[in-house]
Amino acid sequence: MAENKGLLIVYTGNGKGKTSAAMGTAFRAVGQGFKVLMVQFIKGSWHYGELDAAKMLPEGSFEIRVMGRGFVKIGAEKPDPADVEMAQKAWAMVVDEMRGGRFDMIICDEINYAIHYGMLEIDRVVADLKTRPETLHVICTGRNAHPKLVEAADLVSEIKQVKHPYEQGILAQRGIEY
């Protein structure tokens, strides 16, 4: 059995906690001396607590790069070309960092949305992931994980919503959702 194999991990599903699961894995990795990069593909305009938490860790151990500009409008129209361009630039940066060897783990936060909305080509993403260094761990989060990504992954966890406070009229809570 391979002890130093980089895993491809997918956290998906309609429940809350996909990014939190990735962050928990990242904190565990930092505790083991890993260097972690988190690239946020969609988030952009809000202030999130994880940005401050990352700054509290030893310098250089956990870096977060916010590459989106906020929520992407979808529906009858295709995503805004500016959002598509940002997602493609974010993926190109991830590929560069995978090849650069500076990080032990890269989290592609909300990449599943970018793939689902057609902002990134799934075949290209899977092909690039297959060429990553064999010890690099990559985590992909977001709803609607593409079946090809699920197939390529070593570990997939689906987070299912059973109950959410929003359904009871409770707004997003500081320290819980942001």
C-alpha atoms as a PDB file:
ATOM      1  CA  MET A   1       0.000   0.000   0.000  1.00  0.00           C
ATOM      2  CA  ALA A   2       1.213   3.504  -0.881  1.00  0.00           C
ATOM      3  CA  GLU A   3       1.804   5.630   2.200  1.00  0.00           C
ATOM      4  CA  ASN A   4       2.628   8.898   0.442  1.00  0.00           C
ATOM      5  CA  LYS A   5      -0.018   8.984  -2.281  1.00  0.00           C
ATOM      6  CA  GLY A   6      -1.654  12.305  -2.949  1.00  0.00           C
ATOM      7  CA  LEU A   7      -5.408  11.892  -2.765  1.00  0.00           C
ATOM      8  CA  LEU A   8      -8.090  13.523  -4.863  1.00  0.00           C
ATOM      9  CA  ILE A   9     -10.927  14.289  -2.446  1.00  0.00           C
ATOM     10  CA  VAL A  10     -14.380  15.600  -3.344  1.00  0.00           C
ATOM     11  CA  TYR A  11     -16.820  17.119  -0.844  1.00  0.00           C
ATOM     12  CA  THR A  12     -20.208  17.563  -2.533  1.00  0.00           C
ATOM     13  CA  GLY A  13     -23.923  17.467  -1.823  1.00  0.00           C
ATOM     14  CA  ASN A  14     -26.697  19.923  -1.010  1.00  0.00           C
ATOM     15  CA  GLY A  15     -25.874  20.196   2.699  1.00  0.00           C
ATOM     16  CA  LYS A  16     -23.874  22.855   4.496  1.00  0.00           C
ATOM     17  CA  GLY A  17     -20.305  22.033   5.426  1.00  0.00           C
ATOM     18  CA  LYS A  18     -18.355  21.207   2.271  1.00  0.00           C
ATOM     19  CA  THR A  19     -15.900  24.083   2.647  1.00  0.00           C
ATOM     20  CA  SER A  20     -15.794  23.460   6.397  1.00  0.00           C
ATOM     21  CA  ALA A  21     -14.848  19.830   5.775  1.00  0.00           C
ATOM     22  CA  ALA A  22     -12.053  20.955   3.462  1.00  0.00           C
ATOM     23  CA  MET A  23     -10.875  23.495   6.053  1.00  0.00           C
ATOM     24  CA  GLY A  24     -10.827  20.828   8.749  1.00  0.00           C
ATOM     25  CA  THR A  25      -8.699  18.610   6.533  1.00  0.00           C
ATOM     26  CA  ALA A  26      -6.431  21.595   5.820  1.00  0.00           C
ATOM     27  CA  PHE A  27      -5.971  22.329   9.539  1.00  0.00           C
ATOM     28  CA  ARG A  28      -5.075  18.685  10.132  1.00  0.00           C
ATOM     29  CA  ALA A  29      -2.552  18.871   7.286  1.00  0.00           C
ATOM     30  CA  VAL A  30      -1.008  22.101   8.632  1.00  0.00           C
ATOM     31  CA  GLY A  31      -0.704  20.344  11.998  1.00  0.00           C
ATOM     32  CA  GLN A  32       1.400  17.719  10.240  1.00  0.00           C
ATOM     33  CA  GLY A  33       3.689  20.358   8.730  1.00  0.00           C
ATOM     34  CA  PHE A  34       2.014  20.551   5.307  1.00  0.00           C
ATOM     35  CA  LYS A  35       1.765  23.711   3.247  1.00  0.00           C
ATOM     36  CA  VAL A  36      -1.795  24.259   2.044  1.00  0.00           C
ATOM     37  CA  LEU A  37      -3.270  26.512  -0.633  1.00  0.00           C
ATOM     38  CA  MET A  38      -7.003  27.177  -0.828  1.00  0.00           C
ATOM     39  CA  VAL A  39      -8.297  28.734  -4.052  1.00  0.00           C
ATOM     40  CA  GLN A  40     -11.838  30.070  -3.811  1.00  0.00           C
ATOM     41  CA  PHE A  41     -13.399  29.919  -7.268  1.00  0.00           C
ATOM     42  CA  ILE A  42     -16.682  31.719  -6.563  1.00  0.00           C
ATOM     43  CA  LYS A  43     -16.492  33.502  -3.213  1.00  0.00           C
ATOM     44  CA  GLY A  44     -15.274  37.023  -3.447  1.00  0.00           C
ATOM     45  CA  SER A  45     -17.234  39.951  -2.094  1.00  0.00           C
ATOM     46  CA  TRP A  46     -18.035  38.892   1.489  1.00  0.00           C
ATOM     47  CA  HIS A  47     -15.666  38.676   4.432  1.00  0.00           C
ATOM     48  CA  TYR A  48     -15.318  35.081   5.610  1.00  0.00           C
ATOM     49  CA  GLY A  49     -13.960  33.978   8.987  1.00  0.00           C
ATOM     50  CA  GLU A  50     -11.651  31.434   7.359  1.00  0.00           C
ATOM     51  CA  LEU A  51      -9.629  34.305   5.871  1.00  0.00           C
ATOM     52  CA  ASP A  52      -8.821  35.538   9.391  1.00  0.00           C
ATOM     53  CA  ALA A  53      -8.260  32.037  10.772  1.00  0.00           C
ATOM     54  CA  ALA A  54      -5.689  31.315   8.058  1.00  0.00           C
ATOM     55  CA  LYS A  55      -3.708  34.398   9.134  1.00  0.00           C
ATOM     56  CA  MET A  56      -3.432  32.964  12.666  1.00  0.00           C
ATOM     57  CA  LEU A  57      -1.543  29.898  11.450  1.00  0.00           C
ATOM     58  CA  PRO A  58       2.248  29.884  11.049  1.00  0.00           C
ATOM     59  CA  GLU A  59       3.287  32.077   8.136  1.00  0.00           C
ATOM     60  CA  GLY A  60       3.429  30.205   4.847  1.00  0.00           C
ATOM     61  CA  SER A  61       1.502  27.196   6.148  1.00  0.00           C
ATOM     62  CA  PHE A  62      -1.964  28.065   4.822  1.00  0.00           C
ATOM     63  CA  GLU A  63      -2.686  30.517   2.041  1.00  0.00           C
ATOM     64  CA  ILE A  64      -6.136  31.472   0.748  1.00  0.00           C
ATOM     65  CA  ARG A  65      -6.536  33.117  -2.647  1.00  0.00           C
ATOM     66  CA  VAL A  66      -9.960  34.563  -3.400  1.00  0.00           C
ATOM     67  CA  MET A  67     -10.296  34.341  -7.184  1.00  0.00           C
ATOM     68  CA  GLY A  68     -14.017  34.992  -7.714  1.00  0.00           C
ATOM     69  CA  ARG A  69     -16.109  38.094  -7.296  1.00  0.00           C
ATOM     70  CA  GLY A  70     -19.005  36.604  -5.395  1.00  0.00           C
ATOM     71  CA  PHE A  71     -22.098  34.695  -6.309  1.00  0.00           C
ATOM     72  CA  VAL A  72     -22.458  33.764  -9.973  1.00  0.00           C
ATOM     73  CA  LYS A  73     -25.818  34.479 -11.579  1.00  0.00           C
ATOM     74  CA  ILE A  74     -27.218  31.514 -13.431  1.00  0.00           C
ATOM     75  CA  GLY A  75     -30.531  30.640 -14.969  1.00  0.00           C
ATOM     76  CA  ALA A  76     -31.698  31.202 -18.510  1.00  0.00           C
ATOM     77  CA  GLU A  77     -28.474  33.010 -19.367  1.00  0.00           C
ATOM     78  CA  LYS A  78     -24.972  31.673 -19.318  1.00  0.00           C
ATOM     79  CA  PRO A  79     -22.616  32.939 -16.579  1.00  0.00           C
ATOM     80  CA  ASP A  80     -21.165  36.401 -17.097  1.00  0.00           C
ATOM     81  CA  PRO A  81     -18.042  36.213 -19.303  1.00  0.00           C
ATOM     82  CA  ALA A  82     -16.096  38.012 -16.549  1.00  0.00           C
ATOM     83  CA  ASP A  83     -16.929  35.176 -14.128  1.00  0.00           C
ATOM     84  CA  VAL A  84     -15.934  32.581 -16.728  1.00  0.00           C
ATOM     85  CA  GLU A  85     -12.611  34.353 -17.275  1.00  0.00           C
ATOM     86  CA  MET A  86     -11.965  34.521 -13.520  1.00  0.00           C
ATOM     87  CA  ALA A  87     -12.694  30.808 -13.108  1.00  0.00           C
ATOM     88  CA  GLN A  88     -10.377  29.933 -15.988  1.00  0.00           C
ATOM     89  CA  LYS A  89      -7.601  32.131 -14.546  1.00  0.00           C
ATOM     90  CA  ALA A  90      -8.102  30.494 -11.158  1.00  0.00           C
ATOM     91  CA  TRP A  91      -7.784  27.012 -12.702  1.00  0.00           C
ATOM     92  CA  ALA A  92      -4.666  28.023 -14.659  1.00  0.00           C
ATOM     93  CA  MET A  93      -3.147  29.267 -11.389  1.00  0.00           C
ATOM     94  CA  VAL A  94      -4.050  25.970  -9.658  1.00  0.00           C
ATOM     95  CA  VAL A  95      -2.352  24.021 -12.447  1.00  0.00           C
ATOM     96  CA  ASP A  96       0.758  26.210 -12.126  1.00  0.00           C
ATOM     97  CA  GLU A  97       0.820  25.670  -8.364  1.00  0.00           C
ATOM     98  CA  MET A  98       0.320  21.916  -8.774  1.00  0.00           C
ATOM     99  CA  ARG A  99       3.370  21.824 -11.024  1.00  0.00           C
ATOM    100  CA  GLY A 100       5.338  24.261  -8.860  1.00  0.00           C
ATOM    101  CA  GLY A 101       5.615  21.878  -5.920  1.00  0.00           C
ATOM    102  CA  ARG A 102       5.349  24.551  -3.214  1.00  0.00           C
ATOM    103  CA  PHE A 103       2.214  23.070  -1.624  1.00  0.00           C
ATOM    104  CA  ASP A 104       1.366  19.656  -0.196  1.00  0.00           C
ATOM    105  CA  MET A 105      -2.388  20.217  -0.496  1.00  0.00           C
ATOM    106  CA  ILE A 106      -4.489  22.412  -2.758  1.00  0.00           C
ATOM    107  CA  ILE A 107      -8.161  23.043  -2.055  1.00  0.00           C
ATOM    108  CA  CYS A 108     -10.293  24.079  -5.011  1.00  0.00           C
ATOM    109  CA  ASP A 109     -13.182  25.604  -3.094  1.00  0.00           C
ATOM    110  CA  GLU A 110     -16.434  25.692  -5.054  1.00  0.00           C
ATOM    111  CA  ILE A 111     -14.822  24.404  -8.245  1.00  0.00           C
ATOM    112  CA  ASN A 112     -17.730  22.010  -8.651  1.00  0.00           C
ATOM    113  CA  TYR A 113     -19.993  25.030  -9.270  1.00  0.00           C
ATOM    114  CA  ALA A 114     -17.595  26.407 -11.880  1.00  0.00           C
ATOM    115  CA  ILE A 115     -17.653  23.046 -13.670  1.00  0.00           C
ATOM    116  CA  HIS A 116     -21.428  22.638 -13.310  1.00  0.00           C
ATOM    117  CA  TYR A 117     -22.069  26.146 -14.709  1.00  0.00           C
ATOM    118  CA  GLY A 118     -19.858  25.416 -17.738  1.00  0.00           C
ATOM    119  CA  MET A 119     -17.155  27.867 -16.670  1.00  0.00           C
ATOM    120  CA  LEU A 120     -14.524  25.108 -16.716  1.00  0.00           C
ATOM    121  CA  GLU A 121     -14.305  22.080 -19.018  1.00  0.00           C
ATOM    122  CA  ILE A 122     -14.531  18.881 -16.956  1.00  0.00           C
ATOM    123  CA  ASP A 123     -12.283  16.842 -19.268  1.00  0.00           C
ATOM    124  CA  ARG A 124      -9.516  19.432 -18.960  1.00  0.00           C
ATOM    125  CA  VAL A 125      -9.857  19.583 -15.164  1.00  0.00           C
ATOM    126  CA  VAL A 126      -9.694  15.795 -14.793  1.00  0.00           C
ATOM    127  CA  ALA A 127      -6.755  15.534 -17.223  1.00  0.00           C
ATOM    128  CA  ASP A 128      -4.836  18.243 -15.327  1.00  0.00           C
ATOM    129  CA  LEU A 129      -5.559  16.548 -12.001  1.00  0.00           C
ATOM    130  CA  LYS A 130      -4.225  13.250 -13.337  1.00  0.00           C
ATOM    131  CA  THR A 131      -0.892  14.910 -14.166  1.00  0.00           C
ATOM    132  CA  ARG A 132      -0.368  16.428 -10.708  1.00  0.00           C
ATOM    133  CA  PRO A 133       2.618  15.271  -8.625  1.00  0.00           C
ATOM    134  CA  GLU A 134       1.870  11.891  -7.092  1.00  0.00           C
ATOM    135  CA  THR A 135       2.142  13.132  -3.493  1.00  0.00           C
ATOM    136  CA  LEU A 136      -0.036  16.255  -3.903  1.00  0.00           C
ATOM    137  CA  HIS A 137      -3.443  16.135  -2.220  1.00  0.00           C
ATOM    138  CA  VAL A 138      -6.261  18.038  -3.961  1.00  0.00           C
ATOM    139  CA  ILE A 139      -9.688  18.723  -2.493  1.00  0.00           C
ATOM    140  CA  CYS A 140     -12.605  19.879  -4.670  1.00  0.00           C
ATOM    141  CA  THR A 141     -15.745  21.291  -3.042  1.00  0.00           C
ATOM    142  CA  GLY A 142     -19.197  22.385  -4.117  1.00  0.00           C
ATOM    143  CA  ARG A 143     -22.567  20.969  -5.021  1.00  0.00           C
ATOM    144  CA  ASN A 144     -23.195  18.920  -8.135  1.00  0.00           C
ATOM    145  CA  ALA A 145     -19.799  17.254  -8.475  1.00  0.00           C
ATOM    146  CA  HIS A 146     -19.456  16.069 -12.056  1.00  0.00           C
ATOM    147  CA  PRO A 147     -19.587  12.256 -12.445  1.00  0.00           C
ATOM    148  CA  LYS A 148     -16.175  12.307 -14.178  1.00  0.00           C
ATOM    149  CA  LEU A 149     -14.645  14.084 -11.178  1.00  0.00           C
ATOM    150  CA  VAL A 150     -16.320  11.630  -8.803  1.00  0.00           C
ATOM    151  CA  GLU A 151     -14.943   8.741 -10.865  1.00  0.00           C
ATOM    152  CA  ALA A 152     -11.401  10.187 -10.792  1.00  0.00           C
ATOM    153  CA  ALA A 153     -11.498  10.847  -7.037  1.00  0.00           C
ATOM    154  CA  ASP A 154     -10.020   8.642  -4.336  1.00  0.00           C
ATOM    155  CA  LEU A 155     -12.477   9.822  -1.678  1.00  0.00           C
ATOM    156  CA  VAL A 156     -15.921  11.351  -2.154  1.00  0.00           C
ATOM    157  CA  SER A 157     -18.160  12.525   0.665  1.00  0.00           C
ATOM    158  CA  GLU A 158     -21.681  13.729   0.000  1.00  0.00           C
ATOM    159  CA  ILE A 159     -23.058  16.123   2.569  1.00  0.00           C
ATOM    160  CA  LYS A 160     -26.821  15.887   2.660  1.00  0.00           C
ATOM    161  CA  GLN A 161     -29.036  18.598   4.100  1.00  0.00           C
ATOM    162  CA  VAL A 162     -31.522  17.205   6.593  1.00  0.00           C
ATOM    163  CA  LYS A 163     -32.487  20.451   8.300  1.00  0.00           C
ATOM    164  CA  HIS A 164     -31.233  24.043   7.986  1.00  0.00           C
ATOM    165  CA  PRO A 165     -31.946  27.081  10.205  1.00  0.00           C
ATOM    166  CA  TYR A 166     -32.787  29.209   7.146  1.00  0.00           C
ATOM    167  CA  GLU A 167     -35.947  27.097   6.757  1.00  0.00           C
ATOM    168  CA  GLN A 168     -36.979  28.400  10.208  1.00  0.00           C
ATOM    169  CA  GLY A 169     -36.327  32.024   9.262  1.00  0.00           C
ATOM    170  CA  ILE A 170     -32.898  32.182  10.921  1.00  0.00           C
ATOM    171  CA  LEU A 171     -30.394  34.195   8.900  1.00  0.00           C
ATOM    172  CA  ALA A 172     -26.750  33.218   8.319  1.00  0.00           C
ATOM    173  CA  GLN A 173     -24.852  33.306  11.602  1.00  0.00           C
ATOM    174  CA  ARG A 174     -21.368  34.817  12.098  1.00  0.00           C
ATOM    175  CA  GLY A 175     -18.896  32.058  12.904  1.00  0.00           C
ATOM    176  CA  ILE A 176     -21.128  29.400  11.372  1.00  0.00           C
ATOM    177  CA  GLU A 177     -21.800  30.402   7.748  1.00  0.00           C
ATOM    178  CA  TYR A 178     -19.181  33.116   7.397  1.00  0.00           C
END
